[in-house]
Amino acid sequence: LARGLANAVAQAGVDAFVVTLPGYGGRRPP
């Protein structure tokens, strides 16, 4: 959802950023 929302905002001409919380992306949980 965050990726889709960020993509839509960028398509409309505004830079968008998605912050990954602890445990997500490269910050893998134990």
PDB file of all heavy atoms in Angstrom:
ATOM      1  N   LEU A   1       0.826  -1.205   0.000  1.00  0.00           N
ATOM      2  CA  LEU A   1       0.000   0.000   0.000  1.00  0.00           C
ATOM      3  C   LEU A   1       0.859   1.254   0.000  1.00  0.00           C
ATOM      4  O   LEU A   1       0.577   2.216  -0.723  1.00  0.00           O
ATOM      5  CB  LEU A   1      -0.936  -0.002   1.210  1.00  0.00           C
ATOM      6  CG  LEU A   1      -2.011  -1.092   1.251  1.00  0.00           C
ATOM      7  CD1 LEU A   1      -2.891  -0.923   2.483  1.00  0.00           C
ATOM      8  CD2 LEU A   1      -2.861  -1.083  -0.015  1.00  0.00           C
ATOM      9  N   ALA A   2       1.912   1.263   0.801  1.00  0.00           N
ATOM     10  CA  ALA A   2       2.784   2.434   0.851  1.00  0.00           C
ATOM     11  C   ALA A   2       3.489   2.647  -0.476  1.00  0.00           C
ATOM     12  O   ALA A   2       3.616   3.786  -0.960  1.00  0.00           O
ATOM     13  CB  ALA A   2       3.790   2.289   1.987  1.00  0.00           C
ATOM     14  N   ARG A   3       3.950   1.565  -1.098  1.00  0.00           N
ATOM     15  CA  ARG A   3       4.615   1.687  -2.391  1.00  0.00           C
ATOM     16  C   ARG A   3       3.656   2.212  -3.459  1.00  0.00           C
ATOM     17  O   ARG A   3       3.999   3.075  -4.272  1.00  0.00           O
ATOM     18  CB  ARG A   3       5.178   0.329  -2.831  1.00  0.00           C
ATOM     19  CG  ARG A   3       6.389  -0.149  -2.028  1.00  0.00           C
ATOM     20  CD  ARG A   3       6.751  -1.569  -2.440  1.00  0.00           C
ATOM     21  NE  ARG A   3       7.869  -2.113  -1.712  1.00  0.00           N
ATOM     22  CZ  ARG A   3       9.142  -2.046  -2.098  1.00  0.00           C
ATOM     23  NH1 ARG A   3       9.436  -1.424  -3.222  1.00  0.00           N
ATOM     24  NH2 ARG A   3      10.091  -2.577  -1.367  1.00  0.00           N
ATOM     25  N   GLY A   4       2.434   1.656  -3.464  1.00  0.00           N
ATOM     26  CA  GLY A   4       1.456   2.120  -4.439  1.00  0.00           C
ATOM     27  C   GLY A   4       1.091   3.572  -4.233  1.00  0.00           C
ATOM     28  O   GLY A   4       0.954   4.338  -5.196  1.00  0.00           O
ATOM     29  N   LEU A   5       0.925   3.971  -2.965  1.00  0.00           N
ATOM     30  CA  LEU A   5       0.595   5.361  -2.662  1.00  0.00           C
ATOM     31  C   LEU A   5       1.735   6.289  -3.067  1.00  0.00           C
ATOM     32  O   LEU A   5       1.507   7.350  -3.671  1.00  0.00           O
ATOM     33  CB  LEU A   5       0.296   5.484  -1.171  1.00  0.00           C
ATOM     34  CG  LEU A   5      -0.266   6.808  -0.667  1.00  0.00           C
ATOM     35  CD1 LEU A   5      -1.566   7.169  -1.380  1.00  0.00           C
ATOM     36  CD2 LEU A   5      -0.492   6.730   0.846  1.00  0.00           C
ATOM     37  N   ALA A   6       2.976   5.898  -2.770  1.00  0.00           N
ATOM     38  CA  ALA A   6       4.127   6.720  -3.133  1.00  0.00           C
ATOM     39  C   ALA A   6       4.252   6.841  -4.647  1.00  0.00           C
ATOM     40  O   ALA A   6       4.559   7.919  -5.182  1.00  0.00           O
ATOM     41  CB  ALA A   6       5.399   6.120  -2.540  1.00  0.00           C
ATOM     42  N   ASN A   7       4.010   5.753  -5.345  1.00  0.00           N
ATOM     43  CA  ASN A   7       4.081   5.788  -6.801  1.00  0.00           C
ATOM     44  C   ASN A   7       3.037   6.745  -7.385  1.00  0.00           C
ATOM     45  O   ASN A   7       3.322   7.526  -8.293  1.00  0.00           O
ATOM     46  CB  ASN A   7       3.874   4.391  -7.364  1.00  0.00           C
ATOM     47  CG  ASN A   7       4.089   4.335  -8.865  1.00  0.00           C
ATOM     48  OD1 ASN A   7       5.207   4.444  -9.339  1.00  0.00           O
ATOM     49  ND2 ASN A   7       3.011   4.185  -9.614  1.00  0.00           N
ATOM     50  N   ALA A   8       1.825   6.714  -6.852  1.00  0.00           N
ATOM     51  CA  ALA A   8       0.775   7.596  -7.339  1.00  0.00           C
ATOM     52  C   ALA A   8       1.105   9.058  -7.078  1.00  0.00           C
ATOM     53  O   ALA A   8       0.865   9.926  -7.924  1.00  0.00           O
ATOM     54  CB  ALA A   8      -0.551   7.229  -6.677  1.00  0.00           C
ATOM     55  N   VAL A   9       1.653   9.351  -5.912  1.00  0.00           N
ATOM     56  CA  VAL A   9       2.038  10.731  -5.584  1.00  0.00           C
ATOM     57  C   VAL A   9       3.134  11.211  -6.540  1.00  0.00           C
ATOM     58  O   VAL A   9       3.091  12.342  -7.042  1.00  0.00           O
ATOM     59  CB  VAL A   9       2.489  10.816  -4.108  1.00  0.00           C
ATOM     60  CG1 VAL A   9       3.150  12.159  -3.809  1.00  0.00           C
ATOM     61  CG2 VAL A   9       1.303  10.593  -3.175  1.00  0.00           C
ATOM     62  N   ALA A  10       4.124  10.352  -6.801  1.00  0.00           N
ATOM     63  CA  ALA A  10       5.199  10.725  -7.719  1.00  0.00           C
ATOM     64  C   ALA A  10       4.678  10.935  -9.134  1.00  0.00           C
ATOM     65  O   ALA A  10       5.108  11.854  -9.842  1.00  0.00           O
ATOM     66  CB  ALA A  10       6.290   9.653  -7.705  1.00  0.00           C
ATOM     67  N   GLN A  11       3.739  10.089  -9.571  1.00  0.00           N
ATOM     68  CA  GLN A  11       3.137  10.258 -10.904  1.00  0.00           C
ATOM     69  C   GLN A  11       2.451  11.612 -11.021  1.00  0.00           C
ATOM     70  O   GLN A  11       2.374  12.194 -12.106  1.00  0.00           O
ATOM     71  CB  GLN A  11       2.116   9.139 -11.156  1.00  0.00           C
ATOM     72  CG  GLN A  11       2.722   7.772 -11.370  1.00  0.00           C
ATOM     73  CD  GLN A  11       3.177   7.557 -12.815  1.00  0.00           C
ATOM     74  OE1 GLN A  11       3.266   8.497 -13.589  1.00  0.00           O
ATOM     75  NE2 GLN A  11       3.480   6.330 -13.155  1.00  0.00           N
ATOM     76  N   ALA A  12       1.951  12.120  -9.910  1.00  0.00           N
ATOM     77  CA  ALA A  12       1.253  13.409  -9.916  1.00  0.00           C
ATOM     78  C   ALA A  12       2.204  14.586  -9.769  1.00  0.00           C
ATOM     79  O   ALA A  12       1.765  15.738  -9.719  1.00  0.00           O
ATOM     80  CB  ALA A  12       0.223  13.436  -8.788  1.00  0.00           C
ATOM     81  N   GLY A  13       3.512  14.331  -9.690  1.00  0.00           N
ATOM     82  CA  GLY A  13       4.482  15.419  -9.707  1.00  0.00           C
ATOM     83  C   GLY A  13       5.094  15.801  -8.383  1.00  0.00           C
ATOM     84  O   GLY A  13       5.774  16.830  -8.297  1.00  0.00           O
ATOM     85  N   VAL A  14       4.903  14.993  -7.340  1.00  0.00           N
ATOM     86  CA  VAL A  14       5.470  15.293  -6.023  1.00  0.00           C
ATOM     87  C   VAL A  14       6.348  14.121  -5.598  1.00  0.00           C
ATOM     88  O   VAL A  14       5.896  12.970  -5.619  1.00  0.00           O
ATOM     89  CB  VAL A  14       4.364  15.536  -4.976  1.00  0.00           C
ATOM     90  CG1 VAL A  14       4.965  15.732  -3.589  1.00  0.00           C
ATOM     91  CG2 VAL A  14       3.530  16.766  -5.358  1.00  0.00           C
ATOM     92  N   ASP A  15       7.586  14.389  -5.205  1.00  0.00           N
ATOM     93  CA  ASP A  15       8.460  13.319  -4.730  1.00  0.00           C
ATOM     94  C   ASP A  15       7.858  12.647  -3.506  1.00  0.00           C
ATOM     95  O   ASP A  15       7.295  13.314  -2.629  1.00  0.00           O
ATOM     96  CB  ASP A  15       9.838  13.884  -4.373  1.00  0.00           C
ATOM     97  CG  ASP A  15      10.666  14.194  -5.599  1.00  0.00           C
ATOM     98  OD1 ASP A  15      10.409  15.233  -6.248  1.00  0.00           O
ATOM     99  OD2 ASP A  15      11.562  13.407  -5.919  1.00  0.00           O
ATOM    100  N   ALA A  16       8.003  11.326  -3.441  1.00  0.00           N
ATOM    101  CA  ALA A  16       7.441  10.571  -2.322  1.00  0.00           C
ATOM    102  C   ALA A  16       8.503   9.639  -1.763  1.00  0.00           C
ATOM    103  O   ALA A  16       9.355   9.124  -2.498  1.00  0.00           O
ATOM    104  CB  ALA A  16       6.213   9.774  -2.761  1.00  0.00           C
ATOM    105  N   PHE A  17       8.435   9.412  -0.457  1.00  0.00           N
ATOM    106  CA  PHE A  17       9.409   8.588   0.250  1.00  0.00           C
ATOM    107  C   PHE A  17       8.660   7.620   1.160  1.00  0.00           C
ATOM    108  O   PHE A  17       7.680   7.995   1.797  1.00  0.00           O
ATOM    109  CB  PHE A  17      10.349   9.450   1.081  1.00  0.00           C
ATOM    110  CG  PHE A  17      11.160  10.430   0.281  1.00  0.00           C
ATOM    111  CD1 PHE A  17      10.611  11.646  -0.140  1.00  0.00           C
ATOM    112  CD2 PHE A  17      12.470  10.141  -0.063  1.00  0.00           C
ATOM    113  CE1 PHE A  17      11.357  12.549  -0.889  1.00  0.00           C
ATOM    114  CE2 PHE A  17      13.231  11.038  -0.814  1.00  0.00           C
ATOM    115  CZ  PHE A  17      12.667  12.244  -1.224  1.00  0.00           C
ATOM    116  N   VAL A  18       9.138   6.376   1.239  1.00  0.00           N
ATOM    117  CA  VAL A  18       8.554   5.378   2.135  1.00  0.00           C
ATOM    118  C   VAL A  18       9.601   5.012   3.176  1.00  0.00           C
ATOM    119  O   VAL A  18      10.665   4.473   2.835  1.00  0.00           O
ATOM    120  CB  VAL A  18       8.098   4.123   1.378  1.00  0.00           C
ATOM    121  CG1 VAL A  18       7.583   3.067   2.360  1.00  0.00           C
ATOM    122  CG2 VAL A  18       7.003   4.477   0.369  1.00  0.00           C
ATOM    123  N   VAL A  19       9.314   5.298   4.451  1.00  0.00           N
ATOM    124  CA  VAL A  19      10.214   4.954   5.550  1.00  0.00           C
ATOM    125  C   VAL A  19       9.945   3.517   5.973  1.00  0.00           C
ATOM    126  O   VAL A  19       8.792   3.148   6.229  1.00  0.00           O
ATOM    127  CB  VAL A  19       9.993   5.887   6.759  1.00  0.00           C
ATOM    128  CG1 VAL A  19      11.019   5.575   7.860  1.00  0.00           C
ATOM    129  CG2 VAL A  19      10.072   7.348   6.348  1.00  0.00           C
ATOM    130  N   THR A  20      10.982   2.698   6.057  1.00  0.00           N
ATOM    131  CA  THR A  20      10.804   1.323   6.503  1.00  0.00           C
ATOM    132  C   THR A  20      11.006   1.242   8.015  1.00  0.00           C
ATOM    133  O   THR A  20      12.033   1.663   8.540  1.00  0.00           O
ATOM    134  CB  THR A  20      11.803   0.375   5.802  1.00  0.00           C
ATOM    135  OG1 THR A  20      13.137   0.809   6.051  1.00  0.00           O
ATOM    136  CG2 THR A  20      11.551   0.365   4.312  1.00  0.00           C
ATOM    137  N   LEU A  21      10.018   0.707   8.699  1.00  0.00           N
ATOM    138  CA  LEU A  21      10.099   0.529  10.140  1.00  0.00           C
ATOM    139  C   LEU A  21      11.042  -0.624  10.486  1.00  0.00           C
ATOM    140  O   LEU A  21      11.348  -1.459   9.631  1.00  0.00           O
ATOM    141  CB  LEU A  21       8.706   0.246  10.701  1.00  0.00           C
ATOM    142  CG  LEU A  21       7.704   1.401  10.627  1.00  0.00           C
ATOM    143  CD1 LEU A  21       6.307   0.927  11.009  1.00  0.00           C
ATOM    144  CD2 LEU A  21       8.136   2.567  11.519  1.00  0.00           C
ATOM    145  N   PRO A  22      11.505  -0.710  11.738  1.00  0.00           N
ATOM    146  CA  PRO A  22      12.336  -1.841  12.145  1.00  0.00           C
ATOM    147  C   PRO A  22      11.654  -3.170  11.811  1.00  0.00           C
ATOM    148  O   PRO A  22      10.460  -3.345  12.034  1.00  0.00           O
ATOM    149  CB  PRO A  22      12.457  -1.652  13.664  1.00  0.00           C
ATOM    150  CG  PRO A  22      12.321  -0.171  13.864  1.00  0.00           C
ATOM    151  CD  PRO A  22      11.319   0.271  12.833  1.00  0.00           C
ATOM    152  N   GLY A  23      12.425  -4.090  11.247  1.00  0.00           N
ATOM    153  CA  GLY A  23      11.885  -5.388  10.851  1.00  0.00           C
ATOM    154  C   GLY A  23      11.554  -5.492   9.377  1.00  0.00           C
ATOM    155  O   GLY A  23      11.301  -6.588   8.873  1.00  0.00           O
ATOM    156  N   TYR A  24      11.557  -4.360   8.665  1.00  0.00           N
ATOM    157  CA  TYR A  24      11.144  -4.339   7.260  1.00  0.00           C
ATOM    158  C   TYR A  24      12.323  -4.006   6.347  1.00  0.00           C
ATOM    159  O   TYR A  24      13.333  -3.461   6.788  1.00  0.00           O
ATOM    160  CB  TYR A  24      10.021  -3.320   7.062  1.00  0.00           C
ATOM    161  CG  TYR A  24       8.716  -3.753   7.685  1.00  0.00           C
ATOM    162  CD1 TYR A  24       8.494  -3.577   9.046  1.00  0.00           C
ATOM    163  CD2 TYR A  24       7.720  -4.359   6.921  1.00  0.00           C
ATOM    164  CE1 TYR A  24       7.297  -3.983   9.636  1.00  0.00           C
ATOM    165  CE2 TYR A  24       6.528  -4.768   7.503  1.00  0.00           C
ATOM    166  CZ  TYR A  24       6.322  -4.577   8.856  1.00  0.00           C
ATOM    167  OH  TYR A  24       5.151  -4.985   9.435  1.00  0.00           O
ATOM    168  N   GLY A  25      12.158  -4.323   5.063  1.00  0.00           N
ATOM    169  CA  GLY A  25      13.206  -4.045   4.094  1.00  0.00           C
ATOM    170  C   GLY A  25      14.485  -4.773   4.470  1.00  0.00           C
ATOM    171  O   GLY A  25      14.483  -5.967   4.790  1.00  0.00           O
ATOM    172  N   GLY A  26      15.601  -4.054   4.469  1.00  0.00           N
ATOM    173  CA  GLY A  26      16.873  -4.640   4.842  1.00  0.00           C
ATOM    174  C   GLY A  26      17.066  -4.809   6.337  1.00  0.00           C
ATOM    175  O   GLY A  26      18.051  -5.396   6.780  1.00  0.00           O
ATOM    176  N   ARG A  27      16.111  -4.313   7.116  1.00  0.00           N
ATOM    177  CA  ARG A  27      16.212  -4.392   8.586  1.00  0.00           C
ATOM    178  C   ARG A  27      15.454  -5.639   9.061  1.00  0.00           C
ATOM    179  O   ARG A  27      14.485  -5.558   9.802  1.00  0.00           O
ATOM    180  CB  ARG A  27      15.635  -3.127   9.204  1.00  0.00           C
ATOM    181  CG  ARG A  27      16.184  -1.862   8.567  1.00  0.00           C
ATOM    182  CD  ARG A  27      15.442  -0.627   9.041  1.00  0.00           C
ATOM    183  NE  ARG A  27      15.862  -0.267  10.393  1.00  0.00           N
ATOM    184  CZ  ARG A  27      15.287   0.694  11.106  1.00  0.00           C
ATOM    185  NH1 ARG A  27      14.242   1.346  10.625  1.00  0.00           N
ATOM    186  NH2 ARG A  27      15.725   0.975  12.306  1.00  0.00           N
ATOM    187  N   ARG A  28      15.896  -6.778   8.633  1.00  0.00           N
ATOM    188  CA  ARG A  28      15.170  -8.023   8.870  1.00  0.00           C
ATOM    189  C   ARG A  28      15.091  -8.351  10.357  1.00  0.00           C
ATOM    190  O   ARG A  28      16.046  -8.151  11.097  1.00  0.00           O
ATOM    191  CB  ARG A  28      15.830  -9.166   8.107  1.00  0.00           C
ATOM    192  CG  ARG A  28      15.787  -8.985   6.594  1.00  0.00           C
ATOM    193  CD  ARG A  28      16.423 -10.169   5.886  1.00  0.00           C
ATOM    194  NE  ARG A  28      16.431  -9.968   4.446  1.00  0.00           N
ATOM    195  CZ  ARG A  28      15.396 -10.203   3.655  1.00  0.00           C
ATOM    196  NH1 ARG A  28      14.279 -10.670   4.168  1.00  0.00           N
ATOM    197  NH2 ARG A  28      15.485  -9.995   2.353  1.00  0.00           N
ATOM    198  N   PRO A  29      13.955  -8.900  10.793  1.00  0.00           N
ATOM    199  CA  PRO A  29      13.811  -9.264  12.207  1.00  0.00           C
ATOM    200  C   PRO A  29      14.590 -10.533  12.528  1.00  0.00           C
ATOM    201  O   PRO A  29      14.987 -11.276  11.618  1.00  0.00           O
ATOM    202  CB  PRO A  29      12.308  -9.499  12.351  1.00  0.00           C
ATOM    203  CG  PRO A  29      11.895  -9.986  10.995  1.00  0.00           C
ATOM    204  CD  PRO A  29      12.744  -9.213  10.015  1.00  0.00           C
ATOM    205  N   PRO A  30      14.811 -10.823  13.802  1.00  0.00           N
ATOM    206  CA  PRO A  30      15.454 -12.091  14.176  1.00  0.00           C
ATOM    207  C   PRO A  30      14.621 -13.271  13.683  1.00  0.00           C
ATOM    208  O   PRO A  30      13.410 -13.156  13.468  1.00  0.00           O
ATOM    209  CB  PRO A  30      15.473 -12.034  15.705  1.00  0.00           C
ATOM    210  CG  PRO A  30      15.334 -10.588  16.051  1.00  0.00           C
ATOM    211  CD  PRO A  30      14.499  -9.983  14.965  1.00  0.00           C
TER     212      PRO A  30
END
